């Protein structure tokens, strides 16, 4: 099931919000979340900030997302990867 879509910006620093990222997660920017899934709880390790309480509140933010729950939709210039956020 596709929860939303976003962009991955490949980076070797493995830091998000001044904290190390989980081993099997990728840093992404959430462009949008499907309306019917905005109330879904976030996955463990998604983000440590108190401002993120559900999937709808990840929109417009950088989060980490499980590598195995990402489907690449296309590659664009500047190494941006358009992707789908999947529930696994």
N, C-alpha and C. Protein backbone atom coordinates (compact mmCIF):
# COMPACT_ATOMS: atom_id res chain seq x y z
N UNK A 1 0.84 -1.16 0.00
CA UNK A 1 0.00 0.00 0.00
C UNK A 1 0.89 1.24 0.00
N UNK A 2 0.60 2.19 -0.84
CA UNK A 2 1.38 3.42 -0.96
C UNK A 2 0.82 4.46 0.00
N UNK A 3 1.64 4.90 0.95
CA UNK A 3 1.22 5.90 1.93
C UNK A 3 1.43 7.31 1.43
N UNK A 4 2.49 7.52 0.63
CA UNK A 4 2.81 8.86 0.17
C UNK A 4 3.96 8.84 -0.81
N UNK A 5 4.54 10.01 -1.06
CA UNK A 5 5.67 10.10 -1.99
C UNK A 5 6.64 11.14 -1.48
N UNK A 6 7.88 10.99 -1.92
CA UNK A 6 8.91 11.91 -1.46
C UNK A 6 10.14 11.84 -2.34
N UNK A 7 11.22 12.43 -1.84
CA UNK A 7 12.48 12.46 -2.57
C UNK A 7 13.60 12.06 -1.62
N UNK A 8 14.52 11.25 -2.13
CA UNK A 8 15.70 10.88 -1.37
C UNK A 8 16.89 11.65 -1.93
N UNK A 9 17.67 12.21 -1.06
CA UNK A 9 18.88 12.92 -1.44
C UNK A 9 20.05 12.13 -0.88
N UNK A 10 20.71 11.31 -1.72
CA UNK A 10 21.79 10.46 -1.22
C UNK A 10 22.83 11.27 -0.44
N UNK A 11 23.19 10.74 0.71
CA UNK A 11 24.14 11.42 1.59
C UNK A 11 24.91 10.38 2.39
N UNK A 12 26.15 10.66 2.65
CA UNK A 12 26.97 9.71 3.41
C UNK A 12 27.03 10.07 4.89
N UNK A 13 26.45 11.20 5.31
CA UNK A 13 26.60 11.61 6.71
C UNK A 13 25.75 10.80 7.70
N UNK A 14 24.62 10.21 7.26
CA UNK A 14 23.77 9.37 8.10
C UNK A 14 23.31 10.05 9.38
N UNK A 15 23.05 11.38 9.30
CA UNK A 15 22.59 12.17 10.43
C UNK A 15 21.26 12.82 10.06
N UNK A 16 20.31 12.81 10.98
CA UNK A 16 19.03 13.49 10.80
C UNK A 16 18.69 14.19 12.10
N UNK A 17 18.47 15.48 12.03
CA UNK A 17 18.16 16.28 13.23
C UNK A 17 19.20 16.08 14.33
N UNK A 18 20.46 16.10 13.94
CA UNK A 18 21.59 15.97 14.86
C UNK A 18 21.66 14.62 15.57
N UNK A 19 20.97 13.61 15.04
CA UNK A 19 21.00 12.26 15.60
C UNK A 19 21.39 11.27 14.51
N UNK A 20 22.13 10.21 14.89
CA UNK A 20 22.47 9.18 13.89
C UNK A 20 21.21 8.47 13.40
N UNK A 21 21.23 8.14 12.12
CA UNK A 21 20.08 7.44 11.53
C UNK A 21 20.16 5.95 11.82
N UNK A 22 19.00 5.31 11.82
CA UNK A 22 18.90 3.86 11.98
C UNK A 22 19.59 3.19 10.80
N UNK A 23 20.17 2.05 11.03
CA UNK A 23 20.99 1.36 10.03
C UNK A 23 20.25 1.08 8.72
N UNK A 24 19.04 0.60 8.78
CA UNK A 24 18.32 0.19 7.56
C UNK A 24 17.36 1.23 7.03
N UNK A 25 17.56 2.49 7.39
CA UNK A 25 16.67 3.58 6.97
C UNK A 25 17.41 4.55 6.05
N UNK A 26 16.63 5.30 5.25
CA UNK A 26 17.16 6.28 4.30
C UNK A 26 16.53 7.63 4.62
N UNK A 27 17.32 8.69 4.48
CA UNK A 27 16.81 10.05 4.70
C UNK A 27 16.02 10.49 3.47
N UNK A 28 14.78 10.90 3.69
CA UNK A 28 13.94 11.35 2.59
C UNK A 28 13.22 12.64 2.96
N UNK A 29 12.77 13.36 1.95
CA UNK A 29 11.91 14.52 2.12
C UNK A 29 10.51 14.10 1.69
N UNK A 30 9.52 14.25 2.54
CA UNK A 30 8.15 13.82 2.25
C UNK A 30 7.44 14.93 1.49
N UNK A 31 7.12 14.67 0.22
CA UNK A 31 6.38 15.64 -0.60
C UNK A 31 4.90 15.61 -0.29
N UNK A 32 4.37 14.43 -0.04
CA UNK A 32 2.94 14.32 0.21
C UNK A 32 2.57 12.98 0.80
N UNK A 33 1.46 12.96 1.49
CA UNK A 33 0.91 11.74 2.09
C UNK A 33 -0.52 11.58 1.58
N UNK A 34 -0.87 10.37 1.19
CA UNK A 34 -2.22 10.10 0.70
C UNK A 34 -3.22 10.49 1.80
N UNK A 35 -4.30 11.14 1.41
CA UNK A 35 -5.27 11.66 2.37
C UNK A 35 -5.76 10.60 3.37
N UNK A 36 -6.05 9.41 2.88
CA UNK A 36 -6.61 8.39 3.76
C UNK A 36 -5.61 7.81 4.75
N UNK A 37 -4.30 8.13 4.57
CA UNK A 37 -3.28 7.61 5.48
C UNK A 37 -2.67 8.69 6.37
N UNK A 38 -3.16 9.91 6.30
CA UNK A 38 -2.57 10.99 7.10
C UNK A 38 -2.67 10.74 8.60
N UNK A 39 -3.64 10.00 9.06
CA UNK A 39 -3.80 9.71 10.49
C UNK A 39 -3.03 8.48 10.96
N UNK A 40 -2.37 7.76 10.04
CA UNK A 40 -1.62 6.57 10.43
C UNK A 40 -0.46 6.95 11.35
N UNK A 41 -0.17 6.08 12.33
CA UNK A 41 0.98 6.35 13.20
C UNK A 41 2.28 6.24 12.39
N UNK A 42 3.30 6.98 12.81
CA UNK A 42 4.58 6.89 12.12
C UNK A 42 5.29 5.60 12.51
N UNK A 43 6.18 5.14 11.65
CA UNK A 43 6.94 3.93 11.92
C UNK A 43 8.03 4.22 12.94
N UNK A 44 8.48 3.20 13.67
CA UNK A 44 9.59 3.41 14.62
C UNK A 44 10.81 3.98 13.88
N UNK A 45 11.55 4.82 14.53
CA UNK A 45 12.77 5.45 14.01
C UNK A 45 12.51 6.50 12.93
N UNK A 46 11.24 6.78 12.58
CA UNK A 46 10.97 7.72 11.50
C UNK A 46 11.56 9.09 11.78
N UNK A 47 11.33 9.60 12.97
CA UNK A 47 11.81 10.93 13.33
C UNK A 47 11.72 11.06 14.84
N UNK A 48 12.65 11.75 15.45
CA UNK A 48 12.67 11.89 16.90
C UNK A 48 11.95 13.14 17.39
N UNK A 49 11.53 13.98 16.50
CA UNK A 49 10.91 15.25 16.88
C UNK A 49 9.50 15.05 17.42
N UNK A 50 9.15 15.82 18.44
CA UNK A 50 7.81 15.75 19.02
C UNK A 50 6.75 16.30 18.08
N UNK A 51 7.16 17.07 17.07
CA UNK A 51 6.19 17.67 16.17
C UNK A 51 5.61 16.68 15.17
N UNK A 52 6.17 15.49 15.09
CA UNK A 52 5.68 14.47 14.15
C UNK A 52 4.89 13.44 14.95
N UNK A 53 3.57 13.45 14.78
CA UNK A 53 2.72 12.55 15.56
C UNK A 53 2.03 11.48 14.71
N UNK A 54 1.92 11.73 13.41
CA UNK A 54 1.31 10.77 12.50
C UNK A 54 1.86 11.02 11.09
N UNK A 55 1.45 10.21 10.13
CA UNK A 55 1.98 10.34 8.77
C UNK A 55 1.68 11.71 8.16
N UNK A 56 0.53 12.28 8.45
CA UNK A 56 0.18 13.59 7.91
C UNK A 56 1.16 14.67 8.35
N UNK A 57 1.69 14.55 9.54
CA UNK A 57 2.62 15.58 10.05
C UNK A 57 4.05 15.40 9.53
N UNK A 58 4.31 14.35 8.74
CA UNK A 58 5.64 14.20 8.12
C UNK A 58 5.74 15.00 6.82
N UNK A 59 4.61 15.40 6.27
CA UNK A 59 4.58 16.11 4.99
C UNK A 59 5.38 17.41 5.08
N UNK A 60 6.30 17.60 4.12
CA UNK A 60 7.13 18.80 4.10
C UNK A 60 8.31 18.75 5.04
N UNK A 61 8.64 17.55 5.52
CA UNK A 61 9.76 17.39 6.45
C UNK A 61 10.72 16.31 5.98
N UNK A 62 11.95 16.37 6.49
CA UNK A 62 12.89 15.27 6.30
C UNK A 62 12.64 14.24 7.40
N UNK A 63 12.53 12.98 7.01
CA UNK A 63 12.37 11.88 7.96
C UNK A 63 13.28 10.75 7.50
N UNK A 64 13.38 9.71 8.31
CA UNK A 64 14.03 8.49 7.84
C UNK A 64 12.97 7.43 7.64
N UNK A 65 13.15 6.61 6.61
CA UNK A 65 12.14 5.63 6.22
C UNK A 65 12.85 4.32 5.92
N UNK A 66 12.25 3.17 6.26
CA UNK A 66 12.91 1.88 6.02
C UNK A 66 13.23 1.67 4.54
N UNK A 67 14.46 1.29 4.29
CA UNK A 67 14.91 1.05 2.91
C UNK A 67 14.00 0.06 2.19
N UNK A 68 13.56 -0.98 2.89
CA UNK A 68 12.74 -2.02 2.23
C UNK A 68 11.31 -1.56 1.98
N UNK A 69 10.94 -0.40 2.49
CA UNK A 69 9.58 0.12 2.30
C UNK A 69 9.57 1.30 1.33
N UNK A 70 10.55 1.35 0.44
CA UNK A 70 10.64 2.42 -0.55
C UNK A 70 10.63 1.80 -1.95
N UNK A 71 9.82 2.37 -2.81
CA UNK A 71 9.79 1.96 -4.21
C UNK A 71 10.19 3.17 -5.03
N UNK A 72 11.26 3.04 -5.82
CA UNK A 72 11.74 4.14 -6.64
C UNK A 72 10.83 4.28 -7.85
N UNK A 73 10.35 5.52 -8.08
CA UNK A 73 9.48 5.75 -9.23
C UNK A 73 10.23 6.34 -10.40
N UNK A 74 11.25 7.17 -10.14
CA UNK A 74 12.06 7.70 -11.23
C UNK A 74 13.30 8.38 -10.68
N UNK A 75 14.31 8.50 -11.51
CA UNK A 75 15.54 9.21 -11.17
C UNK A 75 15.53 10.54 -11.92
N UNK A 76 15.97 11.59 -11.27
CA UNK A 76 16.04 12.89 -11.91
C UNK A 76 17.43 13.48 -11.73
N UNK A 77 17.66 14.62 -12.34
CA UNK A 77 18.92 15.32 -12.21
C UNK A 77 19.21 15.64 -10.75
N UNK A 78 20.45 15.91 -10.42
CA UNK A 78 20.88 16.26 -9.05
C UNK A 78 20.75 15.10 -8.09
N UNK A 79 20.71 13.87 -8.59
CA UNK A 79 20.65 12.68 -7.75
C UNK A 79 19.40 12.59 -6.88
N UNK A 80 18.37 13.34 -7.22
CA UNK A 80 17.13 13.20 -6.47
C UNK A 80 16.41 11.95 -6.93
N UNK A 81 15.85 11.22 -6.01
CA UNK A 81 15.13 10.01 -6.32
C UNK A 81 13.68 10.21 -5.91
N UNK A 82 12.76 10.14 -6.86
CA UNK A 82 11.34 10.20 -6.50
C UNK A 82 10.93 8.81 -6.03
N UNK A 83 10.21 8.76 -4.93
CA UNK A 83 9.90 7.44 -4.38
C UNK A 83 8.51 7.40 -3.79
N UNK A 84 8.05 6.18 -3.57
CA UNK A 84 6.79 5.94 -2.91
C UNK A 84 7.08 5.39 -1.53
N UNK A 85 6.38 5.88 -0.52
CA UNK A 85 6.51 5.37 0.83
C UNK A 85 5.49 4.25 0.99
N UNK A 86 5.96 3.07 1.28
CA UNK A 86 5.09 1.91 1.38
C UNK A 86 4.92 1.50 2.83
N UNK A 87 3.81 0.90 3.12
CA UNK A 87 3.62 0.31 4.43
C UNK A 87 3.99 -1.15 4.26
N UNK A 88 4.88 -1.63 5.09
CA UNK A 88 5.32 -3.02 4.93
C UNK A 88 4.96 -3.85 6.12
